[in-house]
C-alpha cells in the first residue's frame, strides 16, 4: 500500500484509470480519477470517477445499477496510471455492451490467434453471450434453456468423443473433443466457475 499523494496526478489533478474485469482480464473502460474519487473508490469498494465534461464526481452504476466491485488497484511503474480490477455487475458501457471497447479499429487475422489464448478467448465470448447478449446465438439458446439442457449436451458430446475414438478416426476425435470442451465451458459459465479455478485444481493434481 502506498500513500495516494505519491501518485502522479496531471495538471488538472487527474490520473487515468484502466478498469479491467478481474475474472477474464477484459478491459472494460478508461476513466479518470482525482484524489477524492480514488479515496471514495478505496473506501466504498465501488469505482468512482471524476467527469471532465460535467466537472463532478460520479459513481459507476449510480443510475444503471451496474456497479463495479473493486478487487484490487495497482499503479504503473511511472505512478501516473492506475489499473483497477473489478467484478462488474452488468454491462459497463452506457450502450449496454459488456465493455466500452466493443468497436474494432483493427483485428488480427483469426489464423494468427495465439494457441495458448484460445481457451480464454472462448470463455470470454461465452460469458458475453450469457450476461450481455440478446442475440439468437446457439450459446444464448443453451443458457435460455437452462442447466438441464446444458448437461444433456455435455453428455451427448462425451458420447460422441467415445464413438469417434472407437471409430479410430483422429480427425473425428479432434472435432468431437472441441465440441465437448465448448459445452463444458458453457457449463462452467452457467455455474460461475472461472478458468483460473480449473487451472488451480489442475496444478494441485499435477503436484
N, C-alpha and C. Protein backbone atom coordinates (compact mmCIF):
# COMPACT_ATOMS: atom_id res chain seq x y z
N UNK A 1 0.84 -1.19 0.00
CA UNK A 1 0.00 0.00 0.00
C UNK A 1 0.88 1.25 0.00
N UNK A 2 0.50 2.23 -0.82
CA UNK A 2 1.23 3.49 -0.85
C UNK A 2 0.29 4.64 -0.52
N UNK A 3 0.87 5.75 -0.16
CA UNK A 3 0.10 6.97 0.06
C UNK A 3 -0.33 7.48 -1.32
N UNK A 4 -1.62 7.74 -1.51
CA UNK A 4 -2.08 8.16 -2.83
C UNK A 4 -1.48 9.50 -3.24
N UNK A 5 -0.97 10.25 -2.27
CA UNK A 5 -0.30 11.51 -2.60
C UNK A 5 1.00 11.28 -3.36
N UNK A 6 1.49 10.03 -3.34
CA UNK A 6 2.71 9.71 -4.07
C UNK A 6 2.45 9.51 -5.56
N UNK A 7 1.19 9.32 -5.92
CA UNK A 7 0.84 9.13 -7.33
C UNK A 7 1.00 10.43 -8.09
N UNK A 8 1.24 10.31 -9.39
CA UNK A 8 1.45 11.48 -10.23
C UNK A 8 0.16 11.86 -10.95
N UNK A 9 -0.58 12.76 -10.34
CA UNK A 9 -1.78 13.31 -10.98
C UNK A 9 -1.35 14.39 -11.96
N UNK A 10 -2.12 14.55 -13.06
CA UNK A 10 -1.73 15.54 -14.06
C UNK A 10 -2.03 16.96 -13.56
N UNK A 11 -1.83 17.94 -14.43
CA UNK A 11 -2.01 19.34 -14.05
C UNK A 11 -3.43 19.67 -13.64
N UNK A 12 -4.38 18.84 -14.08
CA UNK A 12 -5.78 19.03 -13.69
C UNK A 12 -6.16 18.20 -12.46
N UNK A 13 -5.15 17.58 -11.86
CA UNK A 13 -5.40 16.78 -10.66
C UNK A 13 -6.01 15.43 -10.95
N UNK A 14 -5.83 14.93 -12.17
CA UNK A 14 -6.45 13.66 -12.57
C UNK A 14 -5.41 12.61 -12.91
N UNK A 15 -5.82 11.35 -12.77
CA UNK A 15 -4.98 10.22 -13.16
C UNK A 15 -5.86 9.22 -13.93
N UNK A 16 -5.40 8.73 -15.10
CA UNK A 16 -6.22 7.76 -15.85
C UNK A 16 -6.31 6.43 -15.11
N UNK A 17 -7.48 5.82 -15.18
CA UNK A 17 -7.71 4.54 -14.51
C UNK A 17 -8.29 3.55 -15.52
N UNK A 18 -7.53 2.50 -15.80
CA UNK A 18 -7.99 1.43 -16.68
C UNK A 18 -8.78 0.44 -15.84
N UNK A 19 -10.01 0.16 -16.24
CA UNK A 19 -10.87 -0.75 -15.48
C UNK A 19 -10.88 -2.10 -16.20
N UNK A 20 -10.53 -3.15 -15.48
CA UNK A 20 -10.36 -4.48 -16.05
C UNK A 20 -11.20 -5.50 -15.29
N UNK A 21 -11.84 -6.41 -16.02
CA UNK A 21 -12.60 -7.49 -15.41
C UNK A 21 -11.63 -8.43 -14.70
N UNK A 22 -11.83 -8.62 -13.41
CA UNK A 22 -10.92 -9.45 -12.61
C UNK A 22 -10.90 -10.90 -13.09
N UNK A 23 -12.04 -11.40 -13.55
CA UNK A 23 -12.14 -12.81 -13.90
C UNK A 23 -11.51 -13.15 -15.24
N UNK A 24 -11.83 -12.37 -16.27
CA UNK A 24 -11.35 -12.74 -17.61
C UNK A 24 -10.32 -11.76 -18.19
N UNK A 25 -10.00 -10.71 -17.41
CA UNK A 25 -8.96 -9.73 -17.78
C UNK A 25 -9.33 -8.86 -18.97
N UNK A 26 -10.59 -8.84 -19.37
CA UNK A 26 -11.03 -7.93 -20.43
C UNK A 26 -11.00 -6.49 -19.91
N UNK A 27 -10.52 -5.57 -20.75
CA UNK A 27 -10.55 -4.15 -20.40
C UNK A 27 -11.97 -3.64 -20.61
N UNK A 28 -12.54 -3.02 -19.58
CA UNK A 28 -13.93 -2.60 -19.62
C UNK A 28 -14.10 -1.13 -19.99
N UNK A 29 -13.22 -0.28 -19.47
CA UNK A 29 -13.35 1.15 -19.74
C UNK A 29 -12.10 1.88 -19.29
N UNK A 30 -12.01 3.13 -19.68
CA UNK A 30 -10.98 4.04 -19.19
C UNK A 30 -11.68 5.24 -18.59
N UNK A 31 -11.35 5.55 -17.36
CA UNK A 31 -11.92 6.72 -16.71
C UNK A 31 -10.82 7.53 -16.06
N UNK A 32 -11.20 8.65 -15.46
CA UNK A 32 -10.23 9.50 -14.78
C UNK A 32 -10.65 9.68 -13.32
N UNK A 33 -9.67 9.61 -12.45
CA UNK A 33 -9.92 9.79 -11.02
C UNK A 33 -9.09 10.96 -10.50
N UNK A 34 -9.66 11.71 -9.55
CA UNK A 34 -8.87 12.64 -8.77
C UNK A 34 -8.66 12.02 -7.40
N UNK A 35 -8.01 12.72 -6.51
CA UNK A 35 -7.71 12.13 -5.21
C UNK A 35 -8.99 11.78 -4.45
N UNK A 36 -9.99 12.63 -4.58
CA UNK A 36 -11.24 12.39 -3.85
C UNK A 36 -11.96 11.15 -4.37
N UNK A 37 -12.05 11.00 -5.69
CA UNK A 37 -12.74 9.82 -6.24
C UNK A 37 -11.95 8.55 -5.98
N UNK A 38 -10.63 8.65 -5.96
CA UNK A 38 -9.81 7.47 -5.64
C UNK A 38 -10.03 7.05 -4.19
N UNK A 39 -10.10 8.03 -3.29
CA UNK A 39 -10.37 7.72 -1.89
C UNK A 39 -11.74 7.06 -1.73
N UNK A 40 -12.74 7.60 -2.44
CA UNK A 40 -14.08 7.02 -2.38
C UNK A 40 -14.10 5.60 -2.94
N UNK A 41 -13.31 5.36 -3.99
CA UNK A 41 -13.22 4.02 -4.58
C UNK A 41 -12.67 3.04 -3.56
N UNK A 42 -11.61 3.45 -2.87
CA UNK A 42 -10.98 2.58 -1.87
C UNK A 42 -11.91 2.34 -0.69
N UNK A 43 -12.57 3.41 -0.22
CA UNK A 43 -13.43 3.31 0.97
C UNK A 43 -14.71 2.53 0.70
N UNK A 44 -15.29 2.72 -0.48
CA UNK A 44 -16.60 2.11 -0.77
C UNK A 44 -16.50 0.74 -1.42
N UNK A 45 -15.34 0.46 -2.06
CA UNK A 45 -15.22 -0.80 -2.80
C UNK A 45 -15.95 -0.76 -4.13
N UNK A 46 -16.40 0.43 -4.55
CA UNK A 46 -17.04 0.64 -5.84
C UNK A 46 -16.23 1.70 -6.59
N UNK A 47 -16.26 1.68 -7.92
CA UNK A 47 -15.48 2.65 -8.68
C UNK A 47 -16.16 4.03 -8.71
N UNK A 48 -15.35 5.03 -8.42
CA UNK A 48 -15.75 6.43 -8.51
C UNK A 48 -14.80 7.14 -9.47
N UNK A 49 -15.32 8.07 -10.23
CA UNK A 49 -14.52 8.80 -11.21
C UNK A 49 -14.81 10.29 -11.12
N UNK A 50 -13.98 11.05 -11.84
CA UNK A 50 -14.24 12.47 -11.99
C UNK A 50 -14.59 12.73 -13.45
N UNK A 51 -15.77 13.28 -13.69
CA UNK A 51 -16.22 13.57 -15.05
C UNK A 51 -15.62 14.89 -15.52
N UNK A 52 -14.83 14.83 -16.58
CA UNK A 52 -14.20 16.04 -17.11
C UNK A 52 -15.22 16.93 -17.81
N UNK A 53 -16.26 16.34 -18.38
CA UNK A 53 -17.27 17.14 -19.07
C UNK A 53 -18.24 17.81 -18.09
N UNK A 54 -18.64 17.07 -17.06
CA UNK A 54 -19.59 17.62 -16.09
C UNK A 54 -18.89 18.26 -14.89
N UNK A 55 -17.59 17.99 -14.79
CA UNK A 55 -16.76 18.53 -13.70
C UNK A 55 -17.36 18.19 -12.33
N UNK A 56 -17.62 16.90 -12.16
CA UNK A 56 -18.16 16.43 -10.88
C UNK A 56 -17.81 14.96 -10.69
N UNK A 57 -17.88 14.50 -9.46
CA UNK A 57 -17.64 13.09 -9.16
C UNK A 57 -18.84 12.26 -9.61
N UNK A 58 -18.55 11.02 -10.04
CA UNK A 58 -19.66 10.12 -10.34
C UNK A 58 -19.28 8.68 -9.99
N UNK A 59 -20.28 7.98 -9.52
CA UNK A 59 -20.12 6.59 -9.09
C UNK A 59 -20.64 5.68 -10.20
N UNK A 60 -19.77 4.85 -10.76
CA UNK A 60 -20.18 3.93 -11.82
C UNK A 60 -21.32 3.03 -11.32
N UNK A 61 -22.47 3.08 -12.02
CA UNK A 61 -23.61 2.26 -11.63
C UNK A 61 -24.66 3.01 -10.85
N UNK A 62 -24.41 4.30 -10.54
CA UNK A 62 -25.36 5.03 -9.70
C UNK A 62 -26.73 5.18 -10.36
N UNK A 63 -26.76 5.21 -11.69
CA UNK A 63 -28.06 5.31 -12.38
C UNK A 63 -28.50 3.97 -12.98
N UNK A 64 -27.54 3.18 -13.46
CA UNK A 64 -27.88 1.91 -14.13
C UNK A 64 -27.97 0.73 -13.18
N UNK A 65 -27.30 0.85 -12.03
CA UNK A 65 -27.22 -0.29 -11.11
C UNK A 65 -26.09 -1.24 -11.46
N UNK A 66 -25.34 -0.93 -12.52
CA UNK A 66 -24.24 -1.80 -12.96
C UNK A 66 -22.93 -1.38 -12.29
N UNK A 67 -22.86 -1.63 -11.00
CA UNK A 67 -21.69 -1.24 -10.22
C UNK A 67 -20.48 -2.12 -10.53
N UNK A 68 -19.33 -1.61 -10.17
CA UNK A 68 -18.08 -2.38 -10.22
C UNK A 68 -17.65 -2.70 -8.80
N UNK A 69 -17.51 -3.98 -8.49
CA UNK A 69 -16.97 -4.40 -7.19
C UNK A 69 -15.44 -4.43 -7.32
N UNK A 70 -14.76 -3.55 -6.60
CA UNK A 70 -13.31 -3.41 -6.74
C UNK A 70 -12.58 -4.55 -6.03
N UNK A 71 -11.68 -5.19 -6.77
CA UNK A 71 -10.87 -6.28 -6.21
C UNK A 71 -9.47 -5.78 -5.86
N UNK A 72 -8.86 -5.03 -6.77
CA UNK A 72 -7.52 -4.51 -6.49
C UNK A 72 -7.27 -3.25 -7.31
N UNK A 73 -6.33 -2.45 -6.84
CA UNK A 73 -5.89 -1.24 -7.55
C UNK A 73 -4.37 -1.26 -7.60
N UNK A 74 -3.83 -1.16 -8.82
CA UNK A 74 -2.38 -1.12 -9.00
C UNK A 74 -2.00 0.14 -9.76
N UNK A 75 -0.76 0.56 -9.62
CA UNK A 75 -0.26 1.68 -10.42
C UNK A 75 0.87 1.18 -11.30
N UNK A 76 1.15 1.92 -12.37
CA UNK A 76 2.23 1.52 -13.26
C UNK A 76 3.57 1.98 -12.71
N UNK A 77 4.65 1.66 -13.45
CA UNK A 77 6.00 1.94 -12.96
C UNK A 77 6.27 3.45 -12.83
N UNK A 78 5.58 4.27 -13.64
CA UNK A 78 5.77 5.72 -13.56
C UNK A 78 4.82 6.38 -12.57
N UNK A 79 3.93 5.57 -12.00
CA UNK A 79 2.98 6.03 -10.99
C UNK A 79 2.03 7.10 -11.52
N UNK A 80 1.77 7.07 -12.86
CA UNK A 80 0.86 8.06 -13.43
C UNK A 80 -0.34 7.43 -14.13
N UNK A 81 -0.61 6.16 -13.82
CA UNK A 81 -1.76 5.46 -14.38
C UNK A 81 -2.16 4.34 -13.43
N UNK A 82 -3.46 4.09 -13.32
CA UNK A 82 -3.98 3.05 -12.43
C UNK A 82 -4.60 1.90 -13.22
N UNK A 83 -4.47 0.70 -12.68
CA UNK A 83 -5.17 -0.48 -13.20
C UNK A 83 -6.08 -0.97 -12.09
N UNK A 84 -7.39 -0.90 -12.33
CA UNK A 84 -8.37 -1.27 -11.32
C UNK A 84 -9.07 -2.56 -11.76
N UNK A 85 -8.87 -3.63 -11.00
CA UNK A 85 -9.52 -4.90 -11.30
C UNK A 85 -10.85 -4.95 -10.57
N UNK A 86 -11.90 -5.29 -11.31
CA UNK A 86 -13.25 -5.25 -10.74
C UNK A 86 -14.04 -6.49 -11.14
N UNK A 87 -15.11 -6.72 -10.42
CA UNK A 87 -16.12 -7.69 -10.81
C UNK A 87 -17.34 -6.88 -11.23
N UNK A 88 -17.65 -6.83 -12.54
CA UNK A 88 -18.76 -5.99 -13.00
C UNK A 88 -20.11 -6.60 -12.69
N UNK A 89 -21.02 -5.76 -12.28
CA UNK A 89 -22.39 -6.20 -12.02
C UNK A 89 -23.27 -5.72 -13.17
N UNK A 90 -23.05 -6.34 -14.35
CA UNK A 90 -23.78 -5.93 -15.54
C UNK A 90 -22.87 -5.24 -16.54
N UNK A 91 -23.43 -4.79 -17.66
CA UNK A 91 -22.63 -4.13 -18.69
C UNK A 91 -21.95 -2.88 -18.16
N UNK A 92 -20.75 -2.60 -18.66
CA UNK A 92 -20.04 -1.39 -18.26
C UNK A 92 -20.40 -0.21 -19.13
N UNK A 93 -20.54 -0.44 -20.44
CA UNK A 93 -20.79 0.65 -21.38
C UNK A 93 -22.23 1.15 -21.29
N UNK A 94 -22.42 2.47 -21.45
CA UNK A 94 -23.76 3.04 -21.41
C UNK A 94 -24.63 2.57 -22.57
N UNK A 95 -23.98 1.98 -23.60
CA UNK A 95 -24.73 1.45 -24.75
C UNK A 95 -25.36 0.09 -24.45
N UNK A 96 -25.00 -0.49 -23.30
CA UNK A 96 -25.49 -1.81 -22.95
C UNK A 96 -24.51 -2.91 -23.29
N UNK A 97 -23.36 -2.53 -23.88
CA UNK A 97 -22.33 -3.52 -24.19
C UNK A 97 -21.52 -3.85 -22.94
N UNK A 98 -20.99 -5.06 -22.93
CA UNK A 98 -20.19 -5.54 -21.81
C UNK A 98 -19.01 -4.62 -21.52
N UNK A 99 -18.31 -4.17 -22.57
CA UNK A 99 -17.15 -3.30 -22.44
C UNK A 99 -17.34 -2.08 -23.32
N UNK A 100 -16.70 -0.97 -22.94
CA UNK A 100 -16.73 0.22 -23.79
C UNK A 100 -15.90 0.00 -25.05
N UNK A 101 -15.03 -1.00 -25.03
CA UNK A 101 -14.16 -1.28 -26.17
C UNK A 101 -14.77 -2.40 -27.03
N UNK A 102 -15.86 -2.09 -27.69
CA UNK A 102 -16.55 -3.10 -28.49
C UNK A 102 -16.47 -2.82 -29.99
N UNK A 103 -15.92 -1.67 -30.38
CA UNK A 103 -15.75 -1.36 -31.79
C UNK A 103 -14.28 -1.50 -32.17
N UNK A 104 -14.03 -2.23 -33.23
CA UNK A 104 -12.65 -2.55 -33.61
C UNK A 104 -12.11 -1.57 -34.65
N UNK A 105 -10.86 -1.14 -34.42
CA UNK A 105 -10.12 -0.38 -35.41
C UNK A 105 -9.32 -1.34 -36.28
N UNK A 106 -8.83 -2.40 -35.63
CA UNK A 106 -8.03 -3.41 -36.33
C UNK A 106 -8.26 -4.73 -35.64
N UNK A 107 -8.31 -5.78 -36.41
CA UNK A 107 -8.50 -7.11 -35.85
C UNK A 107 -7.50 -8.07 -36.49
N UNK A 108 -6.66 -8.68 -35.69
CA UNK A 108 -5.68 -9.61 -36.21
C UNK A 108 -6.37 -10.79 -36.88
N UNK A 109 -5.79 -11.24 -37.97
CA UNK A 109 -6.36 -12.36 -38.71
C UNK A 109 -6.57 -13.54 -37.77
N UNK A 110 -7.73 -14.20 -37.90
CA UNK A 110 -8.07 -15.30 -36.99
C UNK A 110 -7.02 -16.41 -37.00
N UNK A 111 -6.35 -16.58 -38.15
CA UNK A 111 -5.33 -17.62 -38.23
C UNK A 111 -4.13 -17.32 -37.35
N UNK A 112 -3.99 -16.05 -36.95
CA UNK A 112 -2.82 -15.66 -36.17
C UNK A 112 -3.08 -15.59 -34.67
N UNK A 113 -4.24 -16.03 -34.24
CA UNK A 113 -4.52 -16.06 -32.80
C UNK A 113 -3.56 -17.03 -32.12
N UNK A 114 -2.96 -16.58 -31.03
CA UNK A 114 -2.03 -17.43 -30.31
C UNK A 114 -2.77 -18.61 -29.70
N UNK A 115 -2.23 -19.80 -29.91
CA UNK A 115 -2.92 -21.02 -29.49
C UNK A 115 -3.18 -21.06 -27.98
N UNK A 116 -2.24 -20.52 -27.19
CA UNK A 116 -2.40 -20.63 -25.75
C UNK A 116 -3.45 -19.66 -25.19
N UNK A 117 -4.02 -18.80 -26.06
CA UNK A 117 -5.02 -17.85 -25.60
C UNK A 117 -6.44 -18.24 -26.02
N UNK A 118 -6.57 -19.26 -26.84
CA UNK A 118 -7.87 -19.55 -27.42
C UNK A 118 -8.91 -19.96 -26.38
N UNK A 119 -8.49 -20.67 -25.32
CA UNK A 119 -9.45 -21.08 -24.31
C UNK A 119 -10.00 -19.86 -23.55
N UNK A 120 -9.11 -18.90 -23.25
CA UNK A 120 -9.56 -17.69 -22.57
C UNK A 120 -10.47 -16.86 -23.47
N UNK A 121 -10.13 -16.80 -24.76
CA UNK A 121 -10.97 -16.06 -25.71
C UNK A 121 -12.35 -16.68 -25.82
N UNK A 122 -12.40 -18.00 -25.89
CA UNK A 122 -13.68 -18.70 -25.99
C UNK A 122 -14.50 -18.50 -24.72
N UNK A 123 -13.86 -18.62 -23.57
CA UNK A 123 -14.55 -18.44 -22.29
C UNK A 123 -15.15 -17.04 -22.21
N UNK A 124 -14.36 -16.04 -22.59
CA UNK A 124 -14.83 -14.66 -22.54
C UNK A 124 -16.03 -14.46 -23.45
N UNK A 125 -15.99 -15.05 -24.63
CA UNK A 125 -17.12 -14.92 -25.56
C UNK A 125 -18.38 -15.57 -24.98
N UNK A 126 -18.22 -16.72 -24.33
CA UNK A 126 -19.38 -17.40 -23.73
C UNK A 126 -19.96 -16.56 -22.60
N UNK A 127 -19.10 -15.96 -21.78
CA UNK A 127 -19.57 -15.07 -20.71
C UNK A 127 -20.37 -13.91 -21.30
N UNK A 128 -19.84 -13.35 -22.38
CA UNK A 128 -20.52 -12.24 -23.04
C UNK A 128 -21.89 -12.66 -23.55
N UNK A 129 -21.98 -13.87 -24.12
CA UNK A 129 -23.26 -14.37 -24.63
C UNK A 129 -24.27 -14.53 -23.49
N UNK A 130 -23.80 -14.98 -22.34
CA UNK A 130 -24.72 -15.22 -21.23
C UNK A 130 -25.20 -13.92 -20.57
N UNK A 131 -24.26 -13.03 -20.28
CA UNK A 131 -24.58 -11.88 -19.45
C UNK A 131 -25.09 -10.68 -20.21
N UNK A 132 -24.60 -10.50 -21.44
CA UNK A 132 -24.85 -9.23 -22.08
C UNK A 132 -25.49 -9.31 -23.46
N UNK A 133 -25.51 -10.48 -24.05
CA UNK A 133 -26.02 -10.58 -25.42
C UNK A 133 -27.50 -10.95 -25.42
N UNK A 134 -28.22 -10.37 -26.36
CA UNK A 134 -29.63 -10.70 -26.53
C UNK A 134 -29.88 -11.27 -27.92
N UNK A 135 -28.82 -11.82 -28.51
CA UNK A 135 -28.95 -12.33 -29.87
C UNK A 135 -29.55 -13.74 -29.87
N UNK A 136 -29.62 -14.32 -31.04
CA UNK A 136 -30.21 -15.66 -31.18
C UNK A 136 -29.14 -16.72 -31.40
N UNK A 137 -27.97 -16.53 -30.80
CA UNK A 137 -26.88 -17.47 -30.97
C UNK A 137 -27.20 -18.79 -30.28
N UNK A 138 -26.48 -19.82 -30.67
CA UNK A 138 -26.66 -21.14 -30.05
C UNK A 138 -26.30 -21.08 -28.56
N UNK A 139 -25.24 -20.34 -28.24
CA UNK A 139 -24.82 -20.22 -26.84
C UNK A 139 -25.93 -19.59 -26.01
N UNK A 140 -26.53 -18.54 -26.54
CA UNK A 140 -27.63 -17.87 -25.85
C UNK A 140 -28.81 -18.84 -25.67
N UNK A 141 -29.06 -19.65 -26.67
CA UNK A 141 -30.13 -20.65 -26.61
C UNK A 141 -29.88 -21.65 -25.48
N UNK A 142 -28.63 -22.09 -25.32
CA UNK A 142 -28.31 -23.04 -24.25
C UNK A 142 -28.59 -22.43 -22.88
N UNK A 143 -28.16 -21.19 -22.68
CA UNK A 143 -28.38 -20.55 -21.38
C UNK A 143 -29.88 -20.32 -21.14
N UNK A 144 -30.59 -19.94 -22.16
CA UNK A 144 -32.03 -19.74 -22.00
C UNK A 144 -32.76 -21.04 -21.69
N UNK A 145 -32.20 -22.16 -22.18
CA UNK A 145 -32.83 -23.47 -21.98
C UNK A 145 -32.58 -24.04 -20.59
N UNK A 146 -31.55 -23.54 -19.91
CA UNK A 146 -31.30 -23.97 -18.54
C UNK A 146 -30.25 -25.05 -18.41
N UNK A 147 -29.89 -25.35 -17.16
CA UNK A 147 -28.77 -26.24 -16.87
C UNK A 147 -29.04 -27.68 -17.33
N UNK A 148 -30.28 -28.12 -17.28
CA UNK A 148 -30.58 -29.49 -17.71
C UNK A 148 -30.23 -29.69 -19.19
N UNK A 149 -30.55 -28.68 -20.00
CA UNK A 149 -30.22 -28.76 -21.43
C UNK A 149 -28.71 -28.77 -21.63
N UNK A 150 -28.01 -27.94 -20.87
CA UNK A 150 -26.55 -27.88 -20.97
C UNK A 150 -25.94 -29.22 -20.58
N UNK A 151 -26.43 -29.80 -19.50
CA UNK A 151 -25.91 -31.10 -19.05
C UNK A 151 -26.20 -32.19 -20.08
N UNK A 152 -27.37 -32.12 -20.69
CA UNK A 152 -27.72 -33.10 -21.72
C UNK A 152 -26.73 -33.02 -22.88
N UNK A 153 -26.37 -31.80 -23.28
CA UNK A 153 -25.42 -31.62 -24.37
C UNK A 153 -24.02 -32.09 -23.99
N UNK A 154 -23.63 -31.86 -22.75
CA UNK A 154 -22.33 -32.35 -22.29
C UNK A 154 -22.28 -33.87 -22.39
N UNK A 155 -23.35 -34.51 -21.94
CA UNK A 155 -23.42 -35.97 -22.03
C UNK A 155 -23.39 -36.47 -23.45
N UNK A 156 -24.13 -35.80 -24.33
CA UNK A 156 -24.17 -36.20 -25.74
C UNK A 156 -22.79 -36.05 -26.39
N UNK A 157 -22.12 -34.94 -26.10
CA UNK A 157 -20.81 -34.71 -26.71
C UNK A 157 -19.76 -35.67 -26.17
N UNK A 158 -19.87 -36.03 -24.89
CA UNK A 158 -18.94 -37.03 -24.33
C UNK A 158 -19.13 -38.37 -25.04
N UNK A 159 -20.38 -38.71 -25.32
CA UNK A 159 -20.66 -39.95 -26.04
C UNK A 159 -20.09 -39.90 -27.46
N UNK A 160 -20.17 -38.73 -28.09
CA UNK A 160 -19.63 -38.56 -29.44
C UNK A 160 -18.12 -38.74 -29.46
N UNK A 161 -17.45 -38.28 -28.40
CA UNK A 161 -16.00 -38.48 -28.30
C UNK A 161 -15.68 -39.97 -28.22
N UNK A 162 -16.46 -40.70 -27.44
CA UNK A 162 -16.24 -42.15 -27.28
C UNK A 162 -16.43 -42.85 -28.62
N UNK A 163 -17.50 -42.49 -29.31
CA UNK A 163 -17.79 -43.12 -30.62
C UNK A 163 -16.67 -42.81 -31.61
N UNK A 164 -16.20 -41.55 -31.62
CA UNK A 164 -15.13 -41.16 -32.53
C UNK A 164 -13.86 -41.95 -32.25
N UNK A 165 -13.56 -42.13 -30.97
CA UNK A 165 -12.36 -42.88 -30.60
C UNK A 165 -12.48 -44.35 -31.00
N UNK A 166 -13.68 -44.91 -30.84
CA UNK A 166 -13.91 -46.30 -31.24
C UNK A 166 -13.80 -46.45 -32.75
N UNK A 167 -14.15 -45.38 -33.49
CA UNK A 167 -14.04 -45.43 -34.94
C UNK A 167 -12.60 -45.27 -35.42
N UNK A 168 -11.74 -44.97 -34.46
CA UNK A 168 -10.30 -44.85 -34.76
C UNK A 168 -10.03 -43.77 -35.80
N UNK A 169 -10.77 -42.65 -35.67
CA UNK A 169 -10.58 -41.53 -36.60
C UNK A 169 -10.00 -40.34 -35.84
N UNK A 170 -8.75 -40.01 -36.14
CA UNK A 170 -8.06 -38.92 -35.44
C UNK A 170 -8.79 -37.59 -35.63
N UNK A 171 -9.18 -37.29 -36.88
CA UNK A 171 -9.85 -36.04 -37.18
C UNK A 171 -11.20 -35.95 -36.47
N UNK A 172 -11.90 -37.07 -36.43
CA UNK A 172 -13.21 -37.09 -35.79
C UNK A 172 -13.08 -36.89 -34.29
N UNK A 173 -12.06 -37.49 -33.70
CA UNK A 173 -11.82 -37.31 -32.26
C UNK A 173 -11.56 -35.84 -31.95
N UNK A 174 -10.69 -35.20 -32.74
CA UNK A 174 -10.38 -33.79 -32.53
C UNK A 174 -11.65 -32.94 -32.61
N UNK A 175 -12.46 -33.19 -33.63
CA UNK A 175 -13.69 -32.42 -33.84
C UNK A 175 -14.63 -32.57 -32.65
N UNK A 176 -14.83 -33.80 -32.20
CA UNK A 176 -15.79 -34.05 -31.12
C UNK A 176 -15.26 -33.56 -29.76
N UNK A 177 -13.94 -33.63 -29.56
CA UNK A 177 -13.36 -33.12 -28.31
C UNK A 177 -13.57 -31.61 -28.22
N UNK A 178 -13.42 -30.91 -29.35
CA UNK A 178 -13.66 -29.46 -29.34
C UNK A 178 -15.12 -29.17 -29.00
N UNK A 179 -16.05 -29.94 -29.55
CA UNK A 179 -17.47 -29.77 -29.20
C UNK A 179 -17.68 -29.97 -27.70
N UNK A 180 -17.03 -30.99 -27.16
CA UNK A 180 -17.18 -31.28 -25.73
C UNK A 180 -16.60 -30.15 -24.87
N UNK A 181 -15.43 -29.66 -25.25
CA UNK A 181 -14.81 -28.57 -24.49
C UNK A 181 -15.70 -27.33 -24.50
N UNK A 182 -16.26 -27.02 -25.66
CA UNK A 182 -17.15 -25.87 -25.75
C UNK A 182 -18.32 -26.01 -24.78
N UNK A 183 -18.98 -27.16 -24.79
CA UNK A 183 -20.15 -27.35 -23.92
C UNK A 183 -19.75 -27.40 -22.45
N UNK A 184 -18.57 -27.91 -22.15
CA UNK A 184 -18.08 -27.87 -20.77
C UNK A 184 -17.86 -26.43 -20.32
N UNK A 185 -17.36 -25.58 -21.22
CA UNK A 185 -17.16 -24.17 -20.88
C UNK A 185 -18.49 -23.47 -20.65
N UNK A 186 -19.50 -23.81 -21.43
CA UNK A 186 -20.83 -23.26 -21.20
C UNK A 186 -21.31 -23.65 -19.80
N UNK A 187 -21.06 -24.89 -19.41
CA UNK A 187 -21.44 -25.35 -18.07
C UNK A 187 -20.67 -24.58 -16.99
N UNK A 188 -19.38 -24.35 -17.21
CA UNK A 188 -18.58 -23.59 -16.24
C UNK A 188 -19.15 -22.19 -16.05
N UNK A 189 -19.47 -21.52 -17.15
CA UNK A 189 -20.03 -20.17 -17.07
C UNK A 189 -21.38 -20.20 -16.37
N UNK A 190 -22.20 -21.19 -16.67
CA UNK A 190 -23.51 -21.32 -16.03
C UNK A 190 -23.36 -21.46 -14.51
N UNK A 191 -22.29 -22.12 -14.08
CA UNK A 191 -22.06 -22.36 -12.65
C UNK A 191 -21.11 -21.35 -12.02
N UNK A 192 -20.80 -20.27 -12.79
CA UNK A 192 -19.91 -19.20 -12.29
C UNK A 192 -18.55 -19.74 -11.85
N UNK A 193 -18.03 -20.67 -12.61
CA UNK A 193 -16.68 -21.20 -12.36
C UNK A 193 -15.75 -20.60 -13.41
N UNK A 194 -14.68 -19.95 -12.97
CA UNK A 194 -13.76 -19.31 -13.91
C UNK A 194 -12.61 -20.26 -14.24
N UNK A 195 -11.93 -19.97 -15.34
CA UNK A 195 -10.87 -20.87 -15.79
C UNK A 195 -9.72 -20.98 -14.80
N UNK A 196 -9.47 -19.93 -14.04
CA UNK A 196 -8.38 -20.00 -13.06
C UNK A 196 -8.70 -21.01 -11.96
N UNK A 197 -9.99 -21.24 -11.68
CA UNK A 197 -10.37 -22.28 -10.71
C UNK A 197 -9.93 -23.65 -11.23
N UNK A 198 -10.15 -23.87 -12.53
CA UNK A 198 -9.77 -25.13 -13.15
C UNK A 198 -8.25 -25.27 -13.19
N UNK A 199 -7.57 -24.18 -13.52
CA UNK A 199 -6.11 -24.22 -13.59
C UNK A 199 -5.50 -24.54 -12.23
N UNK A 200 -6.04 -23.92 -11.18
CA UNK A 200 -5.51 -24.17 -9.83
C UNK A 200 -5.68 -25.64 -9.44
N UNK A 201 -6.85 -26.20 -9.74
CA UNK A 201 -7.09 -27.61 -9.42
C UNK A 201 -6.16 -28.52 -10.20
N UNK A 202 -5.92 -28.18 -11.46
CA UNK A 202 -5.01 -28.98 -12.28
C UNK A 202 -3.58 -28.90 -11.74
N UNK A 203 -3.18 -27.71 -11.31
CA UNK A 203 -1.84 -27.54 -10.72
C UNK A 203 -1.70 -28.38 -9.46
N UNK A 204 -2.74 -28.34 -8.62
CA UNK A 204 -2.71 -29.12 -7.37
C UNK A 204 -2.57 -30.62 -7.68
N UNK A 205 -3.28 -31.09 -8.69
CA UNK A 205 -3.19 -32.51 -9.05
C UNK A 205 -1.84 -32.84 -9.66
N UNK A 206 -1.31 -31.92 -10.46
CA UNK A 206 0.00 -32.14 -11.08
C UNK A 206 1.08 -32.30 -10.02
N UNK A 207 0.96 -31.50 -8.97
CA UNK A 207 1.94 -31.56 -7.89
C UNK A 207 1.87 -32.90 -7.15
